[in-house]
Amino acid sequence: MTPDLEALQRPPHPVLVEIEERGAADRVALISRPMGRFLSTVVTAMQANRILEVGTAYGYSTLWMALAQPPAGRIWTIEHEAARAGVALDFFRRAAEDDYIEVFTTPAYDLLENFPQRNLDIVFAAGDDARYDDYLDLVIPMLKLSGLVIFNDCVRDARFTRRFLEHPSLDATLLPIGAGAALGARRR
């Protein structure tokens, strides 16, 4: 987004700005601010109160979604690196959202195979994009009908992108946000 367009936007929550600064200082990849704004808008529009996130990092995308959730919304997020999960938890506490977010520190695939939650509104993956193909068939059954699955930075893998777009259970498209994202609504 150009600086002129960014200046038109409402300022992000102060803790989100802190996460951006910490991520830049520590060289930890975060989603783009436009992707954060997109997630916030989608969560608000859907009144999404059951969200699974794969790839927490410092909690930037998690917090964008948590701040947009209705009261009593829940986010389950997976971060395999305990140190990063600890940083994220601190940011969640400072934003007063920690009561609504549960962080799992385990490899994502291992948890996804047996994740007990179903009827999720949104599954957002911004973690290990090399494993996106492995995650796809695990997360679709977790979604309610019309629930959304969003994969961030996925267009580098043409095989996965094609499979996502042609998946029979999804009405899917690509979004020109950041390095490209895939958005699919569960239709069966």
N, C-alpha and C. Protein backbone atom coordinates (compact mmCIF):
# COMPACT_ATOMS: atom_id res chain seq x y z
N MET A 1 0.86 -1.17 0.00
CA MET A 1 0.00 0.00 0.00
C MET A 1 0.91 1.23 0.00
N THR A 2 0.55 2.21 -0.78
CA THR A 2 1.36 3.42 -0.84
C THR A 2 1.20 4.20 0.47
N PRO A 3 2.21 5.00 0.82
CA PRO A 3 2.10 5.82 2.04
C PRO A 3 0.87 6.73 2.04
N ASP A 4 0.50 7.27 0.86
CA ASP A 4 -0.69 8.13 0.79
C ASP A 4 -1.96 7.36 1.17
N LEU A 5 -2.09 6.14 0.67
CA LEU A 5 -3.27 5.33 1.00
C LEU A 5 -3.23 4.88 2.46
N GLU A 6 -2.06 4.53 2.95
CA GLU A 6 -1.94 4.12 4.35
C GLU A 6 -2.34 5.27 5.27
N ALA A 7 -2.02 6.50 4.89
CA ALA A 7 -2.36 7.66 5.72
C ALA A 7 -3.87 7.86 5.84
N LEU A 8 -4.64 7.34 4.89
CA LEU A 8 -6.09 7.46 4.94
C LEU A 8 -6.72 6.48 5.93
N GLN A 9 -6.00 5.43 6.26
CA GLN A 9 -6.53 4.37 7.13
C GLN A 9 -6.54 4.83 8.59
N ARG A 10 -7.44 4.25 9.38
CA ARG A 10 -7.39 4.55 10.81
C ARG A 10 -6.13 3.89 11.37
N PRO A 11 -5.52 4.49 12.37
CA PRO A 11 -4.29 3.92 12.92
C PRO A 11 -4.56 2.56 13.55
N PRO A 12 -3.62 1.64 13.42
CA PRO A 12 -3.80 0.34 14.07
C PRO A 12 -3.66 0.47 15.59
N HIS A 13 -4.15 -0.52 16.29
CA HIS A 13 -4.02 -0.58 17.75
C HIS A 13 -2.54 -0.41 18.11
N PRO A 14 -2.23 0.31 19.19
CA PRO A 14 -0.82 0.55 19.55
C PRO A 14 -0.01 -0.73 19.74
N VAL A 15 -0.62 -1.80 20.23
CA VAL A 15 0.13 -3.05 20.41
C VAL A 15 0.49 -3.65 19.05
N LEU A 16 -0.35 -3.47 18.05
CA LEU A 16 -0.01 -3.94 16.71
C LEU A 16 1.23 -3.22 16.18
N VAL A 17 1.32 -1.93 16.44
CA VAL A 17 2.50 -1.16 16.02
C VAL A 17 3.74 -1.68 16.76
N GLU A 18 3.60 -1.99 18.04
CA GLU A 18 4.73 -2.55 18.79
C GLU A 18 5.18 -3.88 18.20
N ILE A 19 4.22 -4.71 17.80
CA ILE A 19 4.59 -6.00 17.20
C ILE A 19 5.32 -5.78 15.88
N GLU A 20 4.86 -4.83 15.07
CA GLU A 20 5.55 -4.52 13.82
C GLU A 20 7.00 -4.13 14.09
N GLU A 21 7.20 -3.27 15.08
CA GLU A 21 8.55 -2.81 15.42
C GLU A 21 9.42 -3.95 15.93
N ARG A 22 8.87 -4.77 16.81
CA ARG A 22 9.63 -5.90 17.36
C ARG A 22 9.95 -6.92 16.26
N GLY A 23 8.98 -7.19 15.40
CA GLY A 23 9.21 -8.12 14.30
C GLY A 23 10.32 -7.64 13.38
N ALA A 24 10.32 -6.34 13.06
CA ALA A 24 11.37 -5.78 12.21
C ALA A 24 12.72 -5.87 12.89
N ALA A 25 12.77 -5.54 14.18
CA ALA A 25 14.04 -5.58 14.92
C ALA A 25 14.59 -7.00 15.02
N ASP A 26 13.71 -7.97 15.21
CA ASP A 26 14.13 -9.36 15.37
C ASP A 26 14.17 -10.13 14.06
N ARG A 27 13.79 -9.47 12.97
CA ARG A 27 13.75 -10.10 11.65
C ARG A 27 12.82 -11.31 11.62
N VAL A 28 11.67 -11.15 12.26
CA VAL A 28 10.63 -12.17 12.26
C VAL A 28 9.57 -11.75 11.25
N ALA A 29 9.28 -12.62 10.31
CA ALA A 29 8.30 -12.31 9.26
C ALA A 29 6.89 -12.22 9.85
N LEU A 30 6.20 -11.17 9.49
CA LEU A 30 4.80 -10.96 9.88
C LEU A 30 3.98 -10.79 8.61
N ILE A 31 2.68 -10.95 8.72
CA ILE A 31 1.83 -10.62 7.57
C ILE A 31 1.93 -9.12 7.32
N SER A 32 1.52 -8.69 6.15
CA SER A 32 1.52 -7.26 5.85
C SER A 32 0.39 -6.56 6.60
N ARG A 33 0.54 -5.27 6.81
CA ARG A 33 -0.53 -4.50 7.45
C ARG A 33 -1.83 -4.57 6.61
N PRO A 34 -1.75 -4.47 5.26
CA PRO A 34 -2.99 -4.64 4.50
C PRO A 34 -3.66 -6.00 4.72
N MET A 35 -2.88 -7.06 4.88
CA MET A 35 -3.48 -8.36 5.17
C MET A 35 -4.14 -8.33 6.55
N GLY A 36 -3.51 -7.68 7.51
CA GLY A 36 -4.11 -7.55 8.83
C GLY A 36 -5.44 -6.82 8.76
N ARG A 37 -5.48 -5.75 8.00
CA ARG A 37 -6.73 -5.00 7.85
C ARG A 37 -7.80 -5.86 7.17
N PHE A 38 -7.38 -6.64 6.17
CA PHE A 38 -8.31 -7.54 5.49
C PHE A 38 -8.88 -8.55 6.48
N LEU A 39 -8.02 -9.19 7.27
CA LEU A 39 -8.49 -10.17 8.25
C LEU A 39 -9.46 -9.54 9.24
N SER A 40 -9.14 -8.36 9.70
CA SER A 40 -10.01 -7.65 10.64
C SER A 40 -11.39 -7.41 10.04
N THR A 41 -11.42 -6.98 8.80
CA THR A 41 -12.69 -6.71 8.12
C THR A 41 -13.50 -7.99 7.94
N VAL A 42 -12.84 -9.07 7.55
CA VAL A 42 -13.53 -10.35 7.36
C VAL A 42 -14.10 -10.85 8.69
N VAL A 43 -13.31 -10.78 9.75
CA VAL A 43 -13.78 -11.23 11.06
C VAL A 43 -14.99 -10.41 11.50
N THR A 44 -14.92 -9.10 11.30
CA THR A 44 -16.04 -8.23 11.66
C THR A 44 -17.28 -8.57 10.84
N ALA A 45 -17.12 -8.69 9.54
CA ALA A 45 -18.27 -8.95 8.66
C ALA A 45 -18.93 -10.29 8.97
N MET A 46 -18.13 -11.29 9.28
CA MET A 46 -18.66 -12.63 9.57
C MET A 46 -19.11 -12.79 11.02
N GLN A 47 -18.71 -11.83 11.88
CA GLN A 47 -18.89 -12.01 13.32
C GLN A 47 -18.27 -13.34 13.73
N ALA A 48 -17.08 -13.59 13.19
CA ALA A 48 -16.37 -14.86 13.40
C ALA A 48 -15.94 -14.98 14.86
N ASN A 49 -16.41 -16.02 15.51
CA ASN A 49 -16.03 -16.20 16.91
C ASN A 49 -15.29 -17.51 17.16
N ARG A 50 -15.01 -18.27 16.10
CA ARG A 50 -14.24 -19.51 16.22
C ARG A 50 -13.21 -19.54 15.10
N ILE A 51 -11.96 -19.22 15.47
CA ILE A 51 -10.89 -19.07 14.48
C ILE A 51 -9.71 -19.94 14.87
N LEU A 52 -9.15 -20.62 13.88
CA LEU A 52 -7.91 -21.37 14.04
C LEU A 52 -6.85 -20.71 13.18
N GLU A 53 -5.69 -20.48 13.78
CA GLU A 53 -4.57 -19.89 13.05
C GLU A 53 -3.39 -20.85 13.10
N VAL A 54 -2.77 -21.04 11.95
CA VAL A 54 -1.57 -21.87 11.86
C VAL A 54 -0.40 -20.93 11.59
N GLY A 55 0.46 -20.75 12.59
CA GLY A 55 1.61 -19.86 12.46
C GLY A 55 1.40 -18.55 13.18
N THR A 56 1.72 -18.53 14.46
CA THR A 56 1.50 -17.36 15.31
C THR A 56 2.58 -16.31 15.14
N ALA A 57 3.84 -16.75 15.07
CA ALA A 57 5.00 -15.85 15.15
C ALA A 57 4.85 -14.98 16.40
N TYR A 58 4.81 -13.65 16.26
CA TYR A 58 4.68 -12.75 17.41
C TYR A 58 3.22 -12.36 17.68
N GLY A 59 2.29 -12.99 16.99
CA GLY A 59 0.88 -12.76 17.27
C GLY A 59 0.26 -11.59 16.53
N TYR A 60 0.92 -11.12 15.48
CA TYR A 60 0.42 -9.95 14.75
C TYR A 60 -0.93 -10.23 14.08
N SER A 61 -0.99 -11.28 13.28
CA SER A 61 -2.27 -11.60 12.62
C SER A 61 -3.31 -12.04 13.65
N THR A 62 -2.87 -12.75 14.67
CA THR A 62 -3.79 -13.19 15.73
C THR A 62 -4.48 -11.98 16.35
N LEU A 63 -3.70 -10.96 16.66
CA LEU A 63 -4.25 -9.79 17.33
C LEU A 63 -5.17 -8.98 16.41
N TRP A 64 -4.82 -8.87 15.12
CA TRP A 64 -5.74 -8.21 14.18
C TRP A 64 -7.11 -8.88 14.24
N MET A 65 -7.12 -10.22 14.26
CA MET A 65 -8.39 -10.94 14.27
C MET A 65 -9.08 -10.84 15.63
N ALA A 66 -8.32 -10.98 16.71
CA ALA A 66 -8.90 -10.95 18.06
C ALA A 66 -9.57 -9.61 18.34
N LEU A 67 -8.96 -8.53 17.92
CA LEU A 67 -9.52 -7.21 18.16
C LEU A 67 -10.83 -6.98 17.40
N ALA A 68 -11.06 -7.76 16.36
CA ALA A 68 -12.28 -7.62 15.55
C ALA A 68 -13.37 -8.60 15.95
N GLN A 69 -13.05 -9.56 16.79
CA GLN A 69 -14.03 -10.59 17.17
C GLN A 69 -15.13 -10.04 18.06
N PRO A 70 -16.31 -10.69 17.99
CA PRO A 70 -17.36 -10.34 18.94
C PRO A 70 -16.97 -10.81 20.35
N PRO A 71 -17.66 -10.30 21.37
CA PRO A 71 -17.38 -10.77 22.73
C PRO A 71 -17.49 -12.29 22.81
N ALA A 72 -16.62 -12.87 23.59
CA ALA A 72 -16.57 -14.32 23.81
C ALA A 72 -16.05 -15.10 22.60
N GLY A 73 -15.49 -14.41 21.62
CA GLY A 73 -14.86 -15.11 20.51
C GLY A 73 -13.61 -15.85 20.98
N ARG A 74 -13.21 -16.87 20.23
CA ARG A 74 -12.03 -17.67 20.58
C ARG A 74 -11.13 -17.80 19.37
N ILE A 75 -9.83 -17.75 19.65
CA ILE A 75 -8.83 -18.05 18.63
C ILE A 75 -7.90 -19.11 19.20
N TRP A 76 -7.70 -20.16 18.42
CA TRP A 76 -6.70 -21.17 18.73
C TRP A 76 -5.59 -20.96 17.72
N THR A 77 -4.36 -20.78 18.20
CA THR A 77 -3.24 -20.49 17.31
C THR A 77 -2.08 -21.42 17.61
N ILE A 78 -1.36 -21.80 16.57
CA ILE A 78 -0.29 -22.78 16.68
C ILE A 78 1.04 -22.13 16.32
N GLU A 79 2.01 -22.22 17.23
CA GLU A 79 3.37 -21.73 17.00
C GLU A 79 4.34 -22.76 17.56
N HIS A 80 5.13 -23.37 16.70
CA HIS A 80 6.01 -24.44 17.18
C HIS A 80 7.23 -23.93 17.95
N GLU A 81 7.58 -22.66 17.81
CA GLU A 81 8.73 -22.11 18.54
C GLU A 81 8.26 -21.48 19.84
N ALA A 82 8.64 -22.09 20.96
CA ALA A 82 8.17 -21.64 22.28
C ALA A 82 8.55 -20.19 22.57
N ALA A 83 9.74 -19.77 22.16
CA ALA A 83 10.16 -18.39 22.43
C ALA A 83 9.24 -17.39 21.72
N ARG A 84 8.91 -17.66 20.48
CA ARG A 84 7.99 -16.78 19.75
C ARG A 84 6.60 -16.79 20.38
N ALA A 85 6.15 -17.96 20.79
CA ALA A 85 4.84 -18.06 21.44
C ALA A 85 4.82 -17.23 22.72
N GLY A 86 5.92 -17.22 23.46
CA GLY A 86 6.00 -16.42 24.68
C GLY A 86 5.91 -14.93 24.39
N VAL A 87 6.59 -14.49 23.34
CA VAL A 87 6.51 -13.08 22.93
C VAL A 87 5.06 -12.74 22.56
N ALA A 88 4.43 -13.62 21.79
CA ALA A 88 3.04 -13.38 21.37
C ALA A 88 2.12 -13.29 22.59
N LEU A 89 2.27 -14.19 23.54
CA LEU A 89 1.43 -14.16 24.74
C LEU A 89 1.57 -12.85 25.49
N ASP A 90 2.79 -12.33 25.55
CA ASP A 90 2.99 -11.04 26.21
C ASP A 90 2.23 -9.93 25.48
N PHE A 91 2.31 -9.93 24.16
CA PHE A 91 1.56 -8.93 23.40
C PHE A 91 0.05 -9.09 23.59
N PHE A 92 -0.43 -10.32 23.65
CA PHE A 92 -1.87 -10.55 23.86
C PHE A 92 -2.31 -10.00 25.21
N ARG A 93 -1.48 -10.20 26.24
CA ARG A 93 -1.80 -9.67 27.58
C ARG A 93 -1.86 -8.15 27.54
N ARG A 94 -0.89 -7.54 26.87
CA ARG A 94 -0.84 -6.08 26.83
C ARG A 94 -2.02 -5.48 26.07
N ALA A 95 -2.58 -6.25 25.15
CA ALA A 95 -3.76 -5.78 24.41
C ALA A 95 -5.06 -6.23 25.09
N ALA A 96 -4.95 -6.89 26.23
CA ALA A 96 -6.11 -7.40 27.00
C ALA A 96 -6.95 -8.39 26.18
N GLU A 97 -6.29 -9.21 25.37
CA GLU A 97 -6.98 -10.21 24.56
C GLU A 97 -6.58 -11.64 24.94
N ASP A 98 -5.73 -11.79 25.94
CA ASP A 98 -5.18 -13.10 26.27
C ASP A 98 -6.21 -14.10 26.79
N ASP A 99 -7.33 -13.64 27.31
CA ASP A 99 -8.36 -14.57 27.79
C ASP A 99 -9.09 -15.26 26.64
N TYR A 100 -8.94 -14.76 25.43
CA TYR A 100 -9.69 -15.27 24.29
C TYR A 100 -8.82 -16.01 23.27
N ILE A 101 -7.53 -16.12 23.58
CA ILE A 101 -6.58 -16.73 22.65
C ILE A 101 -5.87 -17.87 23.36
N GLU A 102 -5.86 -19.04 22.72
CA GLU A 102 -5.12 -20.18 23.24
C GLU A 102 -4.00 -20.50 22.27
N VAL A 103 -2.76 -20.53 22.80
CA VAL A 103 -1.58 -20.78 21.97
C VAL A 103 -1.09 -22.21 22.21
N PHE A 104 -0.92 -22.95 21.13
CA PHE A 104 -0.35 -24.30 21.19
C PHE A 104 1.08 -24.24 20.68
N THR A 105 2.01 -24.78 21.44
CA THR A 105 3.41 -24.82 21.00
C THR A 105 3.75 -26.26 20.63
N THR A 106 3.46 -26.58 19.40
CA THR A 106 3.68 -27.92 18.87
C THR A 106 3.77 -27.80 17.35
N PRO A 107 4.36 -28.77 16.67
CA PRO A 107 4.31 -28.73 15.21
C PRO A 107 2.86 -28.74 14.73
N ALA A 108 2.56 -27.88 13.80
CA ALA A 108 1.17 -27.68 13.36
C ALA A 108 0.53 -28.96 12.84
N TYR A 109 1.24 -29.69 12.00
CA TYR A 109 0.64 -30.89 11.41
C TYR A 109 0.20 -31.87 12.49
N ASP A 110 1.04 -32.05 13.50
CA ASP A 110 0.71 -32.99 14.58
C ASP A 110 -0.58 -32.60 15.27
N LEU A 111 -0.76 -31.31 15.53
CA LEU A 111 -1.99 -30.85 16.20
C LEU A 111 -3.19 -30.92 15.26
N LEU A 112 -2.99 -30.53 14.01
CA LEU A 112 -4.11 -30.50 13.06
C LEU A 112 -4.71 -31.89 12.84
N GLU A 113 -3.88 -32.91 12.89
CA GLU A 113 -4.39 -34.27 12.68
C GLU A 113 -5.46 -34.66 13.70
N ASN A 114 -5.36 -34.11 14.91
CA ASN A 114 -6.29 -34.48 15.98
C ASN A 114 -6.97 -33.29 16.63
N PHE A 115 -7.02 -32.16 15.95
CA PHE A 115 -7.60 -30.97 16.56
C PHE A 115 -9.09 -31.20 16.79
N PRO A 116 -9.57 -31.02 18.02
CA PRO A 116 -10.96 -31.39 18.33
C PRO A 116 -12.02 -30.38 17.90
N GLN A 117 -11.64 -29.15 17.64
CA GLN A 117 -12.63 -28.12 17.31
C GLN A 117 -13.16 -28.31 15.89
N ARG A 118 -14.45 -28.11 15.73
CA ARG A 118 -15.10 -28.16 14.43
C ARG A 118 -16.02 -26.95 14.30
N ASN A 119 -16.64 -26.80 13.15
CA ASN A 119 -17.53 -25.67 12.88
C ASN A 119 -16.82 -24.33 13.06
N LEU A 120 -15.58 -24.28 12.60
CA LEU A 120 -14.81 -23.05 12.69
C LEU A 120 -15.31 -22.06 11.64
N ASP A 121 -15.25 -20.79 11.98
CA ASP A 121 -15.61 -19.74 11.04
C ASP A 121 -14.48 -19.47 10.05
N ILE A 122 -13.25 -19.47 10.57
CA ILE A 122 -12.08 -19.13 9.76
C ILE A 122 -10.91 -20.01 10.17
N VAL A 123 -10.16 -20.48 9.17
CA VAL A 123 -8.84 -21.04 9.39
C VAL A 123 -7.89 -20.16 8.59
N PHE A 124 -6.89 -19.61 9.28
CA PHE A 124 -5.90 -18.74 8.64
C PHE A 124 -4.52 -19.36 8.81
N ALA A 125 -3.83 -19.58 7.70
CA ALA A 125 -2.49 -20.16 7.74
C ALA A 125 -1.48 -19.15 7.24
N ALA A 126 -0.51 -18.85 8.09
CA ALA A 126 0.57 -17.93 7.71
C ALA A 126 1.89 -18.49 8.20
N GLY A 127 1.93 -19.77 8.38
CA GLY A 127 3.13 -20.38 8.94
C GLY A 127 4.03 -20.95 7.87
N ASP A 128 4.35 -22.19 8.02
CA ASP A 128 5.28 -22.91 7.16
C ASP A 128 4.62 -23.19 5.81
N ASP A 129 4.83 -22.29 4.85
CA ASP A 129 4.13 -22.43 3.57
C ASP A 129 4.54 -23.68 2.81
N ALA A 130 5.67 -24.29 3.15
CA ALA A 130 6.06 -25.55 2.52
C ALA A 130 5.12 -26.68 2.93
N ARG A 131 4.39 -26.51 4.02
CA ARG A 131 3.46 -27.54 4.50
C ARG A 131 2.00 -27.23 4.16
N TYR A 132 1.74 -26.14 3.46
CA TYR A 132 0.36 -25.77 3.14
C TYR A 132 -0.40 -26.92 2.48
N ASP A 133 0.24 -27.61 1.56
CA ASP A 133 -0.42 -28.70 0.87
C ASP A 133 -0.86 -29.79 1.86
N ASP A 134 -0.01 -30.04 2.86
CA ASP A 134 -0.35 -31.03 3.89
C ASP A 134 -1.52 -30.58 4.75
N TYR A 135 -1.60 -29.28 5.00
CA TYR A 135 -2.64 -28.74 5.88
C TYR A 135 -4.03 -28.70 5.23
N LEU A 136 -4.07 -28.51 3.93
CA LEU A 136 -5.33 -28.20 3.25
C LEU A 136 -6.44 -29.19 3.57
N ASP A 137 -6.20 -30.47 3.34
CA ASP A 137 -7.26 -31.46 3.56
C ASP A 137 -7.56 -31.69 5.03
N LEU A 138 -6.66 -31.30 5.91
CA LEU A 138 -6.92 -31.41 7.34
C LEU A 138 -7.84 -30.30 7.84
N VAL A 139 -7.70 -29.10 7.29
CA VAL A 139 -8.45 -27.97 7.84
C VAL A 139 -9.84 -27.79 7.22
N ILE A 140 -10.04 -28.20 5.99
CA ILE A 140 -11.36 -27.99 5.37
C ILE A 140 -12.48 -28.64 6.18
N PRO A 141 -12.33 -29.89 6.65
CA PRO A 141 -13.42 -30.49 7.44
C PRO A 141 -13.68 -29.79 8.77
N MET A 142 -12.74 -28.98 9.24
CA MET A 142 -12.92 -28.25 10.49
C MET A 142 -13.84 -27.04 10.33
N LEU A 143 -13.99 -26.58 9.09
CA LEU A 143 -14.79 -25.39 8.82
C LEU A 143 -16.27 -25.70 8.80
N LYS A 144 -17.07 -24.75 9.26
CA LYS A 144 -18.52 -24.85 9.04
C LYS A 144 -18.76 -24.61 7.55
N LEU A 145 -19.93 -25.00 7.06
CA LEU A 145 -20.28 -24.65 5.68
C LEU A 145 -20.29 -23.13 5.58
N SER A 146 -19.70 -22.60 4.57
CA SER A 146 -19.48 -21.17 4.32
C SER A 146 -18.32 -20.59 5.12
N GLY A 147 -17.67 -21.40 5.94
CA GLY A 147 -16.48 -20.93 6.64
C GLY A 147 -15.35 -20.67 5.66
N LEU A 148 -14.42 -19.82 6.07
CA LEU A 148 -13.33 -19.41 5.18
C LEU A 148 -12.01 -20.04 5.59
N VAL A 149 -11.24 -20.43 4.58
CA VAL A 149 -9.85 -20.83 4.78
C VAL A 149 -9.00 -19.84 3.98
N ILE A 150 -7.97 -19.31 4.63
CA ILE A 150 -7.12 -18.29 4.02
C ILE A 150 -5.68 -18.73 4.20
N PHE A 151 -4.95 -18.82 3.09
CA PHE A 151 -3.52 -19.13 3.13
C PHE A 151 -2.76 -17.89 2.68
N ASN A 152 -1.87 -17.40 3.52
CA ASN A 152 -1.07 -16.21 3.24
C ASN A 152 0.18 -16.61 2.46
N ASP A 153 0.63 -15.72 1.58
CA ASP A 153 1.88 -15.92 0.82
C ASP A 153 1.96 -17.31 0.18
N CYS A 154 0.95 -17.66 -0.58
CA CYS A 154 0.91 -19.02 -1.13
C CYS A 154 1.19 -19.10 -2.62
N VAL A 155 1.27 -18.00 -3.31
CA VAL A 155 1.33 -18.07 -4.77
C VAL A 155 2.70 -18.49 -5.31
N ARG A 156 3.69 -18.59 -4.45
CA ARG A 156 5.00 -19.07 -4.92
C ARG A 156 4.96 -20.54 -5.28
N ASP A 157 4.04 -21.28 -4.69
CA ASP A 157 3.90 -22.71 -4.94
C ASP A 157 2.73 -22.92 -5.90
N ALA A 158 3.05 -22.98 -7.18
CA ALA A 158 2.01 -23.06 -8.21
C ALA A 158 1.17 -24.33 -8.06
N ARG A 159 1.80 -25.44 -7.68
CA ARG A 159 1.05 -26.69 -7.53
C ARG A 159 0.01 -26.57 -6.43
N PHE A 160 0.42 -26.03 -5.26
CA PHE A 160 -0.54 -25.86 -4.16
C PHE A 160 -1.64 -24.88 -4.57
N THR A 161 -1.26 -23.77 -5.16
CA THR A 161 -2.24 -22.75 -5.54
C THR A 161 -3.28 -23.33 -6.49
N ARG A 162 -2.83 -24.08 -7.48
CA ARG A 162 -3.76 -24.71 -8.42
C ARG A 162 -4.68 -25.70 -7.69
N ARG A 163 -4.10 -26.51 -6.82
CA ARG A 163 -4.91 -27.48 -6.06
C ARG A 163 -5.96 -26.77 -5.20
N PHE A 164 -5.55 -25.68 -4.55
CA PHE A 164 -6.47 -24.91 -3.72
C PHE A 164 -7.62 -24.37 -4.56
N LEU A 165 -7.29 -23.74 -5.68
CA LEU A 165 -8.31 -23.12 -6.52
C LEU A 165 -9.27 -24.14 -7.13
N GLU A 166 -8.80 -25.36 -7.33
CA GLU A 166 -9.63 -26.40 -7.96
C GLU A 166 -10.24 -27.35 -6.94
N HIS A 167 -10.04 -27.11 -5.66
CA HIS A 167 -10.53 -28.04 -4.64
C HIS A 167 -12.05 -28.12 -4.71
N PRO A 168 -12.61 -29.33 -4.77
CA PRO A 168 -14.06 -29.47 -4.94
C PRO A 168 -14.89 -28.99 -3.75
N SER A 169 -14.28 -28.84 -2.59
CA SER A 169 -15.04 -28.39 -1.41
C SER A 169 -15.01 -26.88 -1.22
N LEU A 170 -14.30 -26.17 -2.11
CA LEU A 170 -14.11 -24.74 -1.92
C LEU A 170 -14.59 -23.92 -3.11
N ASP A 171 -15.11 -22.75 -2.82
CA ASP A 171 -15.28 -21.69 -3.81
C ASP A 171 -14.10 -20.77 -3.53
N ALA A 172 -13.10 -20.77 -4.40
CA ALA A 172 -11.81 -20.18 -4.06
C ALA A 172 -11.36 -19.13 -5.07
N THR A 173 -10.51 -18.23 -4.56
CA THR A 173 -9.93 -17.18 -5.40
C THR A 173 -8.59 -16.77 -4.81
N LEU A 174 -7.86 -15.96 -5.57
CA LEU A 174 -6.60 -15.39 -5.09
C LEU A 174 -6.80 -13.92 -4.78
N LEU A 175 -6.05 -13.44 -3.80
CA LEU A 175 -6.12 -12.04 -3.39
C LEU A 175 -4.77 -11.38 -3.60
N PRO A 176 -4.74 -10.19 -4.20
CA PRO A 176 -3.47 -9.48 -4.41
C PRO A 176 -3.06 -8.68 -3.17
N ILE A 177 -2.89 -9.37 -2.06
CA ILE A 177 -2.49 -8.73 -0.81
C ILE A 177 -1.15 -9.31 -0.41
N GLY A 178 -0.21 -8.45 -0.07
CA GLY A 178 1.13 -8.93 0.29
C GLY A 178 1.72 -9.68 -0.89
N ALA A 179 2.27 -10.87 -0.61
CA ALA A 179 2.84 -11.70 -1.67
C ALA A 179 1.79 -12.62 -2.28
N GLY A 180 0.52 -12.31 -2.06
CA GLY A 180 -0.57 -13.10 -2.61
C GLY A 180 -1.15 -14.03 -1.57
N ALA A 181 -2.45 -14.13 -1.54
CA ALA A 181 -3.13 -15.00 -0.59
C ALA A 181 -4.22 -15.76 -1.32
N ALA A 182 -4.58 -16.90 -0.76
CA ALA A 182 -5.68 -17.70 -1.31
C ALA A 182 -6.82 -17.68 -0.30
N LEU A 183 -8.02 -17.47 -0.81
CA LEU A 183 -9.23 -17.41 0.01
C LEU A 183 -10.23 -18.40 -0.54
N GLY A 184 -10.75 -19.25 0.34
CA GLY A 184 -11.75 -20.23 -0.08
C GLY A 184 -12.87 -20.33 0.93
N ALA A 185 -14.10 -20.42 0.43
CA ALA A 185 -15.27 -20.64 1.28
C ALA A 185 -15.70 -22.09 1.12
N ARG A 186 -15.90 -22.76 2.26
CA ARG A 186 -16.32 -24.16 2.19
C ARG A 186 -17.75 -24.23 1.67
N ARG A 187 -17.92 -25.02 0.61
CA ARG A 187 -19.26 -25.16 0.03
C ARG A 187 -19.83 -26.56 0.20
N ARG A 188 -19.03 -27.51 0.65
CA ARG A 188 -19.53 -28.86 0.96
C ARG A 188 -18.59 -29.55 1.89
